């Protein structure tokens, strides 16, 4: 009880691990360093040393955590998604986590939504008319739903007559499917080459494959819940996951 806080100052690795556990969303190295600076300036004294932590040192701490979690088989891992890092449970433990949180009835993206999302993800930025040309049906309702779910966003206006909107995916999309960058999408380069730059009809047969790839990615990522999000769900009884 008589031991002072100064005597038990944590290592950088411990701090990074605690931040990942407490965060509600993936943390970038920049954000972690910002927390170090704020803590050093706010608490002063021995805590000022943490304000000097560099990006390389923080990335080294993240690598150490990832390696130690893997070796210790603790059911947790450090994952890099959307150019940031998060703490999540191992995919193999997903069924048990879902059972605990009663998430066996998780709502998934519908087939039309998944197909539309696949078209946008692999061909972004793209026009609504381009999506409809591939799907053969109106996508207004599906597109609004994807925007509401924060998986799709308006990127900018096109230079075509009428200045129609161009759509693309969001960081939430990367987080939901456990992808670091769009280039990490399964077979992205091959699928993109299958579609001509001036049209979409030649690539129509490719989109079922895109949809299947994203569907498999969604199923795998559902098993990898963020450890921080688990606490929030248990405490609030809410959901908050995009997959819901």
Foldseek 3Di string as FASTA:
>chain_A
DPDDPVVCDDDLLVLLVVCQLQDPDFAALVRSLVVLLCQCVVVPDPSVVSNPDDSVNNVVSLVVQQVVCVVVVPQWHWAAWQNGIHIWGDLVCLVVLCVVLVCPVFAADDLVLLLLLLCQLLDPQDFQVQSCVLVVDHCVVSVVVCVVLQQKDFDAFDPPPVRGTTMHGDSLVRVQLRHHDSVPQPPSVVLNVQADPVHGPSSSVVSVVSSVSSVVSNVSSSSIDTSNVSVVCVVPVDDPRSRD
